[in-house]
Amino acid sequence: MAQPEVSQTQLYEWLTGDDDSRMCDDIPDDACQEQPHNFFLHLFASLGNKLADELSSARLVLPWLLGIIGAPVWMVGLLVPIREAGALLPQLFVAGFIRLKPQRKWVWVAGAVLQAVAAIALALLALIGSGAIGGLLVLAALVMLSLARGLSSIATKDVLGKTIAKRRRGTLMGWSGSVAGGATLVAGGVLMWFGDRPGNLALAILLGVAAAGWLLNALCAAS
């Protein structure tokens, strides 16, 4: 006997405990009608973003990259400050401008695509980068990645506020945290499999998968 198909709305209602997925007080009616669809888009976007973050970690993966290409050791100490400061700068200087945009999702898309481009650049540097010049290019790509991360972060919060009702955002954040935790475990398992340090090709593949994660994030944002 064939099993009955589970619709997206039914799965949404099961995950959220919401008997009526289309009752909203604080988002537009058209967004309310699409809330189950948007809920899963946010979940998949979170998965792509978290996996990409872990596979391009400034604390582990990028120090490996600098070591493999023979960059000066002092550059390693700049990785985390660049990653963190670069993500905060857009929030300080352009958040107001972004919030004036009628369609902020395209800022999210642009930020995710730029992060993917930066990850691809890092993957290429794992294969062809060398010495101090290669290290400087890694830092430049990280600056681009971090600034784009800040753009996406601002826009993501605004889009969330317009597509998911307030009473469902906590549930979404809970499931996003679970998905992100799973992605972190997968990424950690992959990194442990490489042992002390992966080779050039393996590192390029890791960063390529990170780029794919951000492209998934961009695709979900654009949908």
N, C-alpha and C. Protein backbone atom coordinates (compact mmCIF):
# COMPACT_ATOMS: atom_id res chain seq x y z
N MET A 1 0.84 -1.19 0.00
CA MET A 1 0.00 0.00 0.00
C MET A 1 0.88 1.25 0.00
N ALA A 2 0.60 2.18 -0.91
CA ALA A 2 1.42 3.38 -1.04
C ALA A 2 1.26 4.27 0.19
N GLN A 3 2.38 4.84 0.61
CA GLN A 3 2.36 5.75 1.75
C GLN A 3 1.84 7.12 1.28
N PRO A 4 1.00 7.78 2.05
CA PRO A 4 0.52 9.10 1.66
C PRO A 4 1.66 10.11 1.66
N GLU A 5 1.66 11.00 0.67
CA GLU A 5 2.68 12.02 0.59
C GLU A 5 2.48 13.07 1.68
N VAL A 6 3.59 13.56 2.20
CA VAL A 6 3.54 14.61 3.21
C VAL A 6 3.82 15.93 2.51
N SER A 7 2.89 16.86 2.59
CA SER A 7 3.07 18.15 1.92
C SER A 7 4.02 19.03 2.71
N GLN A 8 4.52 20.06 2.03
CA GLN A 8 5.40 21.02 2.69
C GLN A 8 4.70 21.69 3.87
N THR A 9 3.43 22.02 3.68
CA THR A 9 2.67 22.67 4.75
C THR A 9 2.50 21.74 5.95
N GLN A 10 2.22 20.45 5.69
CA GLN A 10 2.08 19.50 6.79
C GLN A 10 3.39 19.34 7.55
N LEU A 11 4.50 19.27 6.81
CA LEU A 11 5.80 19.14 7.46
C LEU A 11 6.11 20.39 8.29
N TYR A 12 5.78 21.54 7.74
CA TYR A 12 5.96 22.80 8.48
C TYR A 12 5.16 22.79 9.78
N GLU A 13 3.91 22.38 9.69
CA GLU A 13 3.05 22.36 10.87
C GLU A 13 3.55 21.36 11.90
N TRP A 14 4.12 20.25 11.43
CA TRP A 14 4.69 19.26 12.36
C TRP A 14 5.93 19.81 13.06
N LEU A 15 6.79 20.52 12.31
CA LEU A 15 8.02 21.07 12.89
C LEU A 15 7.74 22.21 13.86
N THR A 16 6.71 22.98 13.58
CA THR A 16 6.45 24.17 14.40
C THR A 16 5.36 23.97 15.43
N GLY A 17 4.56 22.91 15.28
CA GLY A 17 3.42 22.73 16.16
C GLY A 17 2.32 23.72 15.89
N ASP A 18 2.33 24.31 14.69
CA ASP A 18 1.36 25.33 14.30
C ASP A 18 0.24 24.66 13.51
N ASP A 19 -0.98 24.71 14.02
CA ASP A 19 -2.11 24.08 13.33
C ASP A 19 -2.59 24.89 12.13
N ASP A 20 -2.29 26.16 12.12
CA ASP A 20 -2.69 27.00 10.99
C ASP A 20 -1.48 27.83 10.57
N SER A 21 -0.84 27.40 9.49
CA SER A 21 0.41 28.03 9.06
C SER A 21 0.19 29.39 8.43
N ARG A 22 -1.06 29.76 8.21
CA ARG A 22 -1.32 31.02 7.50
C ARG A 22 -2.10 32.01 8.35
N MET A 23 -1.81 32.01 9.64
CA MET A 23 -2.36 33.03 10.54
C MET A 23 -1.20 33.88 11.04
N CYS A 24 -1.14 35.13 10.59
CA CYS A 24 -0.03 36.00 10.92
C CYS A 24 -0.57 37.39 11.24
N ASP A 25 0.03 38.04 12.22
CA ASP A 25 -0.39 39.39 12.59
C ASP A 25 0.63 40.45 12.21
N ASP A 26 1.88 40.06 12.00
CA ASP A 26 2.93 41.06 11.87
C ASP A 26 3.72 40.99 10.56
N ILE A 27 3.25 40.22 9.58
CA ILE A 27 3.88 40.22 8.26
C ILE A 27 2.78 40.37 7.21
N PRO A 28 3.12 40.82 6.00
CA PRO A 28 2.11 41.01 4.95
C PRO A 28 1.37 39.71 4.62
N ASP A 29 0.15 39.85 4.11
CA ASP A 29 -0.67 38.68 3.80
C ASP A 29 -0.01 37.76 2.78
N ASP A 30 0.63 38.35 1.74
CA ASP A 30 1.25 37.51 0.72
C ASP A 30 2.41 36.70 1.31
N ALA A 31 3.18 37.32 2.22
CA ALA A 31 4.26 36.59 2.90
C ALA A 31 3.69 35.52 3.82
N CYS A 32 2.55 35.81 4.42
CA CYS A 32 1.92 34.84 5.32
C CYS A 32 1.52 33.58 4.56
N GLN A 33 1.00 33.76 3.35
CA GLN A 33 0.59 32.62 2.54
C GLN A 33 1.78 31.74 2.16
N GLU A 34 2.96 32.36 2.05
CA GLU A 34 4.17 31.64 1.65
C GLU A 34 5.04 31.24 2.85
N GLN A 35 4.52 31.40 4.06
CA GLN A 35 5.34 31.18 5.24
C GLN A 35 5.94 29.77 5.33
N PRO A 36 5.19 28.69 5.06
CA PRO A 36 5.82 27.36 5.11
C PRO A 36 7.00 27.23 4.14
N HIS A 37 6.80 27.74 2.91
CA HIS A 37 7.88 27.70 1.91
C HIS A 37 9.08 28.51 2.39
N ASN A 38 8.84 29.72 2.90
CA ASN A 38 9.93 30.57 3.36
C ASN A 38 10.65 29.98 4.57
N PHE A 39 9.91 29.28 5.41
CA PHE A 39 10.49 28.63 6.59
C PHE A 39 11.60 27.66 6.16
N PHE A 40 11.31 26.84 5.15
CA PHE A 40 12.30 25.86 4.71
C PHE A 40 13.44 26.51 3.93
N LEU A 41 13.14 27.59 3.21
CA LEU A 41 14.22 28.32 2.54
C LEU A 41 15.21 28.86 3.56
N HIS A 42 14.71 29.42 4.65
CA HIS A 42 15.61 29.92 5.70
C HIS A 42 16.41 28.77 6.33
N LEU A 43 15.79 27.61 6.49
CA LEU A 43 16.51 26.47 7.06
C LEU A 43 17.66 26.03 6.16
N PHE A 44 17.38 25.88 4.86
CA PHE A 44 18.43 25.44 3.94
C PHE A 44 19.51 26.51 3.78
N ALA A 45 19.10 27.77 3.81
CA ALA A 45 20.08 28.85 3.75
C ALA A 45 21.01 28.80 4.95
N SER A 46 20.45 28.52 6.13
CA SER A 46 21.25 28.40 7.35
C SER A 46 22.23 27.23 7.25
N LEU A 47 21.77 26.13 6.68
CA LEU A 47 22.64 24.96 6.50
C LEU A 47 23.82 25.31 5.62
N GLY A 48 23.55 25.92 4.45
CA GLY A 48 24.63 26.27 3.53
C GLY A 48 25.61 27.24 4.16
N ASN A 49 25.09 28.23 4.86
CA ASN A 49 25.95 29.25 5.46
C ASN A 49 26.83 28.68 6.56
N LYS A 50 26.25 27.85 7.43
CA LYS A 50 27.02 27.30 8.55
C LYS A 50 28.10 26.34 8.05
N LEU A 51 27.75 25.49 7.09
CA LEU A 51 28.73 24.55 6.55
C LEU A 51 29.88 25.32 5.91
N ALA A 52 29.55 26.37 5.16
CA ALA A 52 30.59 27.17 4.52
C ALA A 52 31.47 27.86 5.55
N ASP A 53 30.87 28.40 6.60
CA ASP A 53 31.64 29.05 7.66
C ASP A 53 32.65 28.09 8.29
N GLU A 54 32.20 26.87 8.57
CA GLU A 54 33.08 25.90 9.23
C GLU A 54 34.22 25.45 8.31
N LEU A 55 33.92 25.30 7.02
CA LEU A 55 34.93 24.81 6.07
C LEU A 55 35.88 25.91 5.60
N SER A 56 35.63 27.14 6.03
CA SER A 56 36.56 28.24 5.71
C SER A 56 37.01 28.92 7.01
N SER A 57 37.05 28.16 8.08
CA SER A 57 37.34 28.69 9.41
C SER A 57 38.67 29.46 9.44
N ALA A 58 38.61 30.67 9.99
CA ALA A 58 39.83 31.48 10.13
C ALA A 58 40.72 30.97 11.25
N ARG A 59 40.19 30.08 12.08
CA ARG A 59 40.97 29.53 13.20
C ARG A 59 41.66 28.22 12.84
N LEU A 60 41.20 27.54 11.80
CA LEU A 60 41.77 26.24 11.48
C LEU A 60 42.12 26.10 10.00
N VAL A 61 41.14 26.26 9.13
CA VAL A 61 41.35 25.98 7.71
C VAL A 61 42.28 27.01 7.06
N LEU A 62 42.05 28.28 7.31
CA LEU A 62 42.88 29.30 6.67
C LEU A 62 44.32 29.31 7.18
N PRO A 63 44.59 29.02 8.48
CA PRO A 63 45.99 28.83 8.87
C PRO A 63 46.65 27.67 8.13
N TRP A 64 45.90 26.58 7.88
CA TRP A 64 46.42 25.50 7.05
C TRP A 64 46.80 26.02 5.68
N LEU A 65 45.91 26.84 5.12
CA LEU A 65 46.15 27.37 3.77
C LEU A 65 47.43 28.20 3.74
N LEU A 66 47.59 29.10 4.70
CA LEU A 66 48.80 29.91 4.73
C LEU A 66 50.05 29.05 4.91
N GLY A 67 49.94 28.01 5.73
CA GLY A 67 51.08 27.12 5.92
C GLY A 67 51.44 26.35 4.66
N ILE A 68 50.44 25.88 3.95
CA ILE A 68 50.67 25.08 2.74
C ILE A 68 51.35 25.90 1.65
N ILE A 69 50.95 27.18 1.51
CA ILE A 69 51.52 27.99 0.43
C ILE A 69 52.81 28.69 0.86
N GLY A 70 53.23 28.48 2.10
CA GLY A 70 54.50 29.05 2.55
C GLY A 70 54.44 30.54 2.84
N ALA A 71 53.30 31.03 3.29
CA ALA A 71 53.17 32.45 3.63
C ALA A 71 53.88 32.74 4.95
N PRO A 72 54.29 34.00 5.17
CA PRO A 72 54.94 34.35 6.44
C PRO A 72 54.04 34.04 7.64
N VAL A 73 54.64 33.59 8.72
CA VAL A 73 53.89 33.14 9.89
C VAL A 73 53.07 34.27 10.50
N TRP A 74 53.56 35.51 10.44
CA TRP A 74 52.86 36.62 11.08
C TRP A 74 51.47 36.85 10.49
N MET A 75 51.26 36.40 9.27
CA MET A 75 49.95 36.59 8.63
C MET A 75 48.86 35.79 9.32
N VAL A 76 49.23 34.69 9.95
CA VAL A 76 48.23 33.85 10.64
C VAL A 76 47.52 34.64 11.73
N GLY A 77 48.26 35.51 12.41
CA GLY A 77 47.68 36.30 13.48
C GLY A 77 46.67 37.33 13.01
N LEU A 78 46.62 37.60 11.71
CA LEU A 78 45.67 38.58 11.17
C LEU A 78 44.35 37.96 10.75
N LEU A 79 44.30 36.65 10.64
CA LEU A 79 43.13 36.00 10.06
C LEU A 79 41.86 36.25 10.87
N VAL A 80 41.88 35.94 12.16
CA VAL A 80 40.67 36.09 12.98
C VAL A 80 40.25 37.56 13.11
N PRO A 81 41.17 38.50 13.39
CA PRO A 81 40.75 39.91 13.44
C PRO A 81 40.11 40.39 12.15
N ILE A 82 40.66 40.01 11.01
CA ILE A 82 40.07 40.42 9.73
C ILE A 82 38.69 39.82 9.58
N ARG A 83 38.56 38.55 9.91
CA ARG A 83 37.27 37.87 9.75
C ARG A 83 36.20 38.54 10.62
N GLU A 84 36.53 38.85 11.86
CA GLU A 84 35.54 39.40 12.78
C GLU A 84 35.27 40.88 12.50
N ALA A 85 36.33 41.67 12.31
CA ALA A 85 36.15 43.11 12.08
C ALA A 85 35.46 43.36 10.75
N GLY A 86 35.84 42.60 9.73
CA GLY A 86 35.24 42.80 8.41
C GLY A 86 33.75 42.52 8.41
N ALA A 87 33.31 41.58 9.22
CA ALA A 87 31.87 41.27 9.29
C ALA A 87 31.09 42.35 10.02
N LEU A 88 31.76 43.11 10.90
CA LEU A 88 31.07 44.14 11.67
C LEU A 88 30.99 45.48 10.95
N LEU A 89 31.96 45.78 10.09
CA LEU A 89 32.01 47.09 9.45
C LEU A 89 30.75 47.43 8.66
N PRO A 90 30.22 46.53 7.82
CA PRO A 90 28.98 46.88 7.10
C PRO A 90 27.83 47.19 8.05
N GLN A 91 27.79 46.51 9.18
CA GLN A 91 26.70 46.76 10.13
C GLN A 91 26.81 48.14 10.76
N LEU A 92 28.03 48.68 10.83
CA LEU A 92 28.23 50.00 11.41
C LEU A 92 27.96 51.12 10.41
N PHE A 93 28.32 50.88 9.13
CA PHE A 93 28.34 51.99 8.17
C PHE A 93 27.25 51.95 7.11
N VAL A 94 26.74 50.78 6.77
CA VAL A 94 25.78 50.74 5.66
C VAL A 94 24.45 50.10 6.03
N ALA A 95 24.26 49.77 7.30
CA ALA A 95 23.01 49.11 7.69
C ALA A 95 21.80 49.98 7.38
N GLY A 96 21.91 51.29 7.66
CA GLY A 96 20.79 52.19 7.38
C GLY A 96 20.47 52.27 5.91
N PHE A 97 21.52 52.31 5.08
CA PHE A 97 21.32 52.37 3.63
C PHE A 97 20.63 51.10 3.13
N ILE A 98 21.07 49.95 3.64
CA ILE A 98 20.48 48.68 3.21
C ILE A 98 19.00 48.63 3.57
N ARG A 99 18.65 49.15 4.74
CA ARG A 99 17.26 49.08 5.19
C ARG A 99 16.34 50.01 4.40
N LEU A 100 16.93 50.91 3.59
CA LEU A 100 16.11 51.76 2.72
C LEU A 100 15.74 51.04 1.42
N LYS A 101 16.41 49.92 1.15
CA LYS A 101 16.14 49.17 -0.07
C LYS A 101 14.79 48.47 0.03
N PRO A 102 13.95 48.59 -1.02
CA PRO A 102 12.65 47.92 -0.97
C PRO A 102 12.76 46.40 -1.04
N GLN A 103 13.79 45.88 -1.76
CA GLN A 103 13.99 44.43 -1.89
C GLN A 103 15.35 44.08 -1.30
N ARG A 104 15.38 43.88 0.00
CA ARG A 104 16.66 43.65 0.67
C ARG A 104 17.22 42.25 0.41
N LYS A 105 16.39 41.37 -0.09
CA LYS A 105 16.89 40.01 -0.32
C LYS A 105 18.03 40.01 -1.33
N TRP A 106 18.06 41.00 -2.24
CA TRP A 106 19.13 41.02 -3.23
C TRP A 106 20.46 41.43 -2.62
N VAL A 107 20.42 42.17 -1.52
CA VAL A 107 21.65 42.44 -0.77
C VAL A 107 22.15 41.14 -0.15
N TRP A 108 21.23 40.35 0.38
CA TRP A 108 21.58 39.03 0.93
C TRP A 108 22.19 38.16 -0.16
N VAL A 109 21.54 38.12 -1.33
CA VAL A 109 22.05 37.31 -2.44
C VAL A 109 23.45 37.78 -2.84
N ALA A 110 23.62 39.10 -2.98
CA ALA A 110 24.93 39.63 -3.38
C ALA A 110 26.00 39.26 -2.37
N GLY A 111 25.68 39.38 -1.08
CA GLY A 111 26.65 39.03 -0.05
C GLY A 111 27.03 37.56 -0.10
N ALA A 112 26.05 36.69 -0.30
CA ALA A 112 26.33 35.25 -0.36
C ALA A 112 27.16 34.90 -1.59
N VAL A 113 26.84 35.52 -2.74
CA VAL A 113 27.60 35.26 -3.96
C VAL A 113 29.04 35.75 -3.81
N LEU A 114 29.22 36.92 -3.22
CA LEU A 114 30.58 37.43 -3.01
C LEU A 114 31.37 36.52 -2.07
N GLN A 115 30.73 35.96 -1.06
CA GLN A 115 31.41 35.00 -0.19
C GLN A 115 31.82 33.76 -0.97
N ALA A 116 30.95 33.31 -1.87
CA ALA A 116 31.28 32.15 -2.70
C ALA A 116 32.47 32.45 -3.60
N VAL A 117 32.47 33.65 -4.20
CA VAL A 117 33.59 34.05 -5.06
C VAL A 117 34.89 34.09 -4.26
N ALA A 118 34.83 34.65 -3.05
CA ALA A 118 36.03 34.70 -2.21
C ALA A 118 36.52 33.31 -1.85
N ALA A 119 35.59 32.38 -1.57
CA ALA A 119 35.98 31.01 -1.25
C ALA A 119 36.61 30.32 -2.45
N ILE A 120 36.09 30.59 -3.65
CA ILE A 120 36.69 30.03 -4.87
C ILE A 120 38.10 30.58 -5.05
N ALA A 121 38.28 31.88 -4.79
CA ALA A 121 39.62 32.47 -4.87
C ALA A 121 40.57 31.80 -3.89
N LEU A 122 40.10 31.53 -2.68
CA LEU A 122 40.94 30.85 -1.69
C LEU A 122 41.28 29.43 -2.14
N ALA A 123 40.30 28.75 -2.76
CA ALA A 123 40.55 27.40 -3.27
C ALA A 123 41.63 27.42 -4.35
N LEU A 124 41.57 28.41 -5.24
CA LEU A 124 42.59 28.53 -6.29
C LEU A 124 43.96 28.84 -5.69
N LEU A 125 43.98 29.68 -4.65
CA LEU A 125 45.25 29.99 -4.00
C LEU A 125 45.86 28.76 -3.32
N ALA A 126 45.00 27.84 -2.87
CA ALA A 126 45.52 26.59 -2.30
C ALA A 126 46.29 25.79 -3.34
N LEU A 127 45.93 25.97 -4.61
CA LEU A 127 46.56 25.22 -5.69
C LEU A 127 47.75 25.95 -6.31
N ILE A 128 47.64 27.29 -6.41
CA ILE A 128 48.67 28.02 -7.16
C ILE A 128 49.36 29.11 -6.34
N GLY A 129 48.88 29.40 -5.13
CA GLY A 129 49.48 30.46 -4.33
C GLY A 129 50.84 30.05 -3.78
N SER A 130 51.67 31.07 -3.50
CA SER A 130 53.00 30.76 -2.97
C SER A 130 53.59 31.98 -2.27
N GLY A 131 54.21 31.75 -1.12
CA GLY A 131 54.97 32.77 -0.45
C GLY A 131 54.16 33.95 0.05
N ALA A 132 54.87 35.09 0.20
CA ALA A 132 54.25 36.29 0.76
C ALA A 132 53.14 36.83 -0.14
N ILE A 133 53.35 36.79 -1.46
CA ILE A 133 52.32 37.28 -2.38
C ILE A 133 51.05 36.45 -2.24
N GLY A 134 51.22 35.14 -2.19
CA GLY A 134 50.06 34.27 -1.99
C GLY A 134 49.37 34.56 -0.68
N GLY A 135 50.15 34.81 0.38
CA GLY A 135 49.56 35.13 1.68
C GLY A 135 48.78 36.43 1.65
N LEU A 136 49.32 37.45 0.98
CA LEU A 136 48.60 38.72 0.87
C LEU A 136 47.29 38.55 0.10
N LEU A 137 47.31 37.71 -0.92
CA LEU A 137 46.08 37.46 -1.68
C LEU A 137 45.06 36.71 -0.82
N VAL A 138 45.53 35.81 0.03
CA VAL A 138 44.62 35.13 0.97
C VAL A 138 43.96 36.16 1.89
N LEU A 139 44.75 37.07 2.42
CA LEU A 139 44.20 38.10 3.31
C LEU A 139 43.21 39.00 2.56
N ALA A 140 43.52 39.33 1.30
CA ALA A 140 42.61 40.16 0.51
C ALA A 140 41.29 39.43 0.27
N ALA A 141 41.37 38.15 -0.05
CA ALA A 141 40.14 37.36 -0.26
C ALA A 141 39.34 37.27 1.03
N LEU A 142 40.04 37.17 2.16
CA LEU A 142 39.35 37.11 3.45
C LEU A 142 38.65 38.43 3.77
N VAL A 143 39.27 39.56 3.41
CA VAL A 143 38.62 40.86 3.60
C VAL A 143 37.31 40.90 2.81
N MET A 144 37.37 40.47 1.56
CA MET A 144 36.17 40.44 0.72
C MET A 144 35.11 39.53 1.33
N LEU A 145 35.51 38.36 1.77
CA LEU A 145 34.58 37.41 2.36
C LEU A 145 33.92 37.99 3.61
N SER A 146 34.72 38.64 4.45
CA SER A 146 34.20 39.15 5.72
C SER A 146 33.23 40.31 5.51
N LEU A 147 33.56 41.22 4.59
CA LEU A 147 32.66 42.34 4.30
C LEU A 147 31.34 41.83 3.73
N ALA A 148 31.44 40.84 2.83
CA ALA A 148 30.23 40.26 2.24
C ALA A 148 29.40 39.55 3.30
N ARG A 149 30.07 38.93 4.26
CA ARG A 149 29.37 38.26 5.36
C ARG A 149 28.54 39.26 6.16
N GLY A 150 29.12 40.45 6.40
CA GLY A 150 28.39 41.48 7.12
C GLY A 150 27.16 41.96 6.37
N LEU A 151 27.30 42.13 5.05
CA LEU A 151 26.15 42.53 4.23
C LEU A 151 25.03 41.51 4.32
N SER A 152 25.39 40.25 4.16
CA SER A 152 24.38 39.19 4.22
C SER A 152 23.69 39.13 5.57
N SER A 153 24.47 39.33 6.63
CA SER A 153 23.91 39.25 7.98
C SER A 153 22.82 40.30 8.20
N ILE A 154 23.09 41.53 7.76
CA ILE A 154 22.09 42.60 7.91
C ILE A 154 20.83 42.27 7.14
N ALA A 155 21.01 41.91 5.86
CA ALA A 155 19.86 41.66 5.00
C ALA A 155 19.07 40.43 5.44
N THR A 156 19.76 39.41 5.92
CA THR A 156 19.08 38.19 6.36
C THR A 156 18.10 38.48 7.49
N LYS A 157 18.54 39.28 8.46
CA LYS A 157 17.67 39.61 9.59
C LYS A 157 16.44 40.38 9.13
N ASP A 158 16.63 41.31 8.18
CA ASP A 158 15.50 42.09 7.69
C ASP A 158 14.52 41.23 6.90
N VAL A 159 15.06 40.35 6.05
CA VAL A 159 14.19 39.47 5.27
C VAL A 159 13.42 38.52 6.20
N LEU A 160 14.10 38.02 7.21
CA LEU A 160 13.44 37.14 8.18
C LEU A 160 12.25 37.85 8.82
N GLY A 161 12.44 39.12 9.18
CA GLY A 161 11.37 39.87 9.83
C GLY A 161 10.17 40.13 8.93
N LYS A 162 10.37 40.04 7.62
CA LYS A 162 9.27 40.30 6.68
C LYS A 162 8.63 39.03 6.13
N THR A 163 9.25 37.87 6.39
CA THR A 163 8.74 36.63 5.79
C THR A 163 8.28 35.59 6.80
N ILE A 164 8.72 35.72 8.05
CA ILE A 164 8.35 34.75 9.09
C ILE A 164 7.70 35.51 10.25
N ALA A 165 6.50 35.08 10.63
CA ALA A 165 5.79 35.74 11.74
C ALA A 165 6.62 35.67 13.02
N LYS A 166 6.48 36.69 13.85
CA LYS A 166 7.29 36.80 15.07
C LYS A 166 7.16 35.57 15.95
N ARG A 167 5.95 35.03 16.07
CA ARG A 167 5.75 33.89 16.97
C ARG A 167 6.39 32.61 16.43
N ARG A 168 6.82 32.62 15.16
CA ARG A 168 7.46 31.44 14.57
C ARG A 168 8.97 31.60 14.44
N ARG A 169 9.48 32.81 14.69
CA ARG A 169 10.92 33.04 14.50
C ARG A 169 11.75 32.26 15.52
N GLY A 170 11.26 32.16 16.75
CA GLY A 170 11.99 31.40 17.75
C GLY A 170 12.10 29.93 17.37
N THR A 171 10.99 29.39 16.84
CA THR A 171 11.01 27.99 16.39
C THR A 171 11.99 27.81 15.24
N LEU A 172 11.96 28.77 14.30
CA LEU A 172 12.89 28.70 13.17
C LEU A 172 14.33 28.76 13.65
N MET A 173 14.63 29.66 14.60
CA MET A 173 15.98 29.77 15.12
C MET A 173 16.41 28.48 15.81
N GLY A 174 15.45 27.84 16.50
CA GLY A 174 15.77 26.57 17.15
C GLY A 174 16.14 25.49 16.15
N TRP A 175 15.33 25.36 15.09
CA TRP A 175 15.63 24.36 14.06
C TRP A 175 16.89 24.74 13.28
N SER A 176 17.09 26.04 13.06
CA SER A 176 18.31 26.48 12.37
C SER A 176 19.54 26.13 13.20
N GLY A 177 19.43 26.29 14.53
CA GLY A 177 20.53 25.91 15.40
C GLY A 177 20.83 24.42 15.32
N SER A 178 19.78 23.61 15.24
CA SER A 178 19.97 22.16 15.12
C SER A 178 20.63 21.80 13.79
N VAL A 179 20.14 22.44 12.73
CA VAL A 179 20.72 22.20 11.40
C VAL A 179 22.18 22.65 11.38
N ALA A 180 22.44 23.82 11.97
CA ALA A 180 23.81 24.34 12.02
C ALA A 180 24.71 23.41 12.83
N GLY A 181 24.17 22.86 13.93
CA GLY A 181 24.94 21.92 14.73
C GLY A 181 25.30 20.67 13.94
N GLY A 182 24.33 20.17 13.17
CA GLY A 182 24.61 19.02 12.31
C GLY A 182 25.67 19.33 11.28
N ALA A 183 25.59 20.52 10.68
CA ALA A 183 26.58 20.92 9.69
C ALA A 183 27.96 21.03 10.32
N THR A 184 28.01 21.54 11.55
CA THR A 184 29.29 21.65 12.26
C THR A 184 29.89 20.28 12.52
N LEU A 185 29.06 19.32 12.93
CA LEU A 185 29.55 17.95 13.16
C LEU A 185 30.10 17.34 11.88
N VAL A 186 29.38 17.53 10.78
CA VAL A 186 29.83 17.00 9.49
C VAL A 186 31.17 17.63 9.10
N ALA A 187 31.23 18.96 9.21
CA ALA A 187 32.47 19.66 8.86
C ALA A 187 33.62 19.22 9.76
N GLY A 188 33.33 19.08 11.07
CA GLY A 188 34.36 18.63 11.99
C GLY A 188 34.86 17.24 11.67
N GLY A 189 33.93 16.34 11.30
CA GLY A 189 34.32 15.00 10.91
C GLY A 189 35.20 14.99 9.68
N VAL A 190 34.85 15.83 8.71
CA VAL A 190 35.66 15.92 7.48
C VAL A 190 37.05 16.43 7.81
N LEU A 191 37.13 17.48 8.64
CA LEU A 191 38.44 18.05 8.97
C LEU A 191 39.29 17.07 9.78
N MET A 192 38.66 16.31 10.69
CA MET A 192 39.40 15.31 11.46
C MET A 192 39.93 14.20 10.56
N TRP A 193 39.18 13.90 9.52
CA TRP A 193 39.59 12.83 8.60
C TRP A 193 40.91 13.17 7.91
N PHE A 194 41.18 14.48 7.76
CA PHE A 194 42.42 14.88 7.10
C PHE A 194 43.62 14.83 8.03
N GLY A 195 43.39 14.62 9.32
CA GLY A 195 44.51 14.53 10.25
C GLY A 195 45.10 15.89 10.57
N ASP A 196 46.43 15.94 10.70
CA ASP A 196 47.10 17.17 11.10
C ASP A 196 46.94 18.29 10.08
N ARG A 197 47.05 17.96 8.81
CA ARG A 197 46.98 19.00 7.78
C ARG A 197 46.68 18.37 6.43
N PRO A 198 45.64 18.87 5.73
CA PRO A 198 45.33 18.33 4.41
C PRO A 198 46.32 18.84 3.36
N GLY A 199 46.40 18.15 2.23
CA GLY A 199 47.24 18.61 1.13
C GLY A 199 46.57 19.73 0.36
N ASN A 200 47.30 20.23 -0.65
CA ASN A 200 46.79 21.37 -1.44
C ASN A 200 45.45 21.06 -2.09
N LEU A 201 45.35 19.90 -2.74
CA LEU A 201 44.12 19.57 -3.45
C LEU A 201 42.96 19.37 -2.48
N ALA A 202 43.22 18.68 -1.37
CA ALA A 202 42.16 18.46 -0.38
C ALA A 202 41.66 19.78 0.20
N LEU A 203 42.58 20.70 0.45
CA LEU A 203 42.19 22.00 0.99
C LEU A 203 41.39 22.79 -0.04
N ALA A 204 41.79 22.69 -1.30
CA ALA A 204 41.03 23.36 -2.37
C ALA A 204 39.61 22.80 -2.46
N ILE A 205 39.48 21.49 -2.28
CA ILE A 205 38.15 20.86 -2.32
C ILE A 205 37.29 21.35 -1.15
N LEU A 206 37.87 21.41 0.04
CA LEU A 206 37.13 21.92 1.21
C LEU A 206 36.60 23.33 0.95
N LEU A 207 37.46 24.18 0.41
CA LEU A 207 37.05 25.56 0.15
C LEU A 207 36.05 25.63 -1.00
N GLY A 208 36.16 24.69 -1.94
CA GLY A 208 35.17 24.62 -3.01
C GLY A 208 33.80 24.23 -2.47
N VAL A 209 33.77 23.31 -1.51
CA VAL A 209 32.50 22.94 -0.87
C VAL A 209 31.94 24.13 -0.09
N ALA A 210 32.82 24.90 0.55
CA ALA A 210 32.37 26.12 1.24
C ALA A 210 31.71 27.07 0.26
N ALA A 211 32.32 27.23 -0.91
CA ALA A 211 31.72 28.09 -1.94
C ALA A 211 30.34 27.58 -2.34
N ALA A 212 30.21 26.26 -2.46
CA ALA A 212 28.90 25.67 -2.81
C ALA A 212 27.88 25.96 -1.71
N GLY A 213 28.32 25.94 -0.45
CA GLY A 213 27.41 26.27 0.66
C GLY A 213 26.87 27.68 0.55
N TRP A 214 27.73 28.63 0.19
CA TRP A 214 27.26 30.00 0.04
C TRP A 214 26.40 30.18 -1.20
N LEU A 215 26.66 29.41 -2.24
CA LEU A 215 25.78 29.46 -3.41
C LEU A 215 24.40 28.92 -3.07
N LEU A 216 24.34 27.87 -2.24
CA LEU A 216 23.05 27.37 -1.76
C LEU A 216 22.34 28.46 -0.96
N ASN A 217 23.08 29.15 -0.13
CA ASN A 217 22.53 30.25 0.65
C ASN A 217 21.95 31.33 -0.27
N ALA A 218 22.69 31.67 -1.32
CA ALA A 218 22.23 32.69 -2.27
C ALA A 218 20.99 32.23 -3.02
N LEU A 219 20.97 30.96 -3.42
CA LEU A 219 19.82 30.42 -4.15
C LEU A 219 18.57 30.47 -3.29
N CYS A 220 18.70 30.11 -2.02
CA CYS A 220 17.54 30.16 -1.12
C CYS A 220 17.06 31.60 -0.93
N ALA A 221 18.01 32.52 -0.84
CA ALA A 221 17.64 33.93 -0.66
C ALA A 221 16.92 34.48 -1.88
N ALA A 222 17.33 34.03 -3.06
CA ALA A 222 16.74 34.55 -4.30
C ALA A 222 15.38 33.95 -4.59
N SER A 223 15.04 32.82 -3.98
CA SER A 223 13.79 32.12 -4.29
C SER A 223 12.58 32.82 -3.70
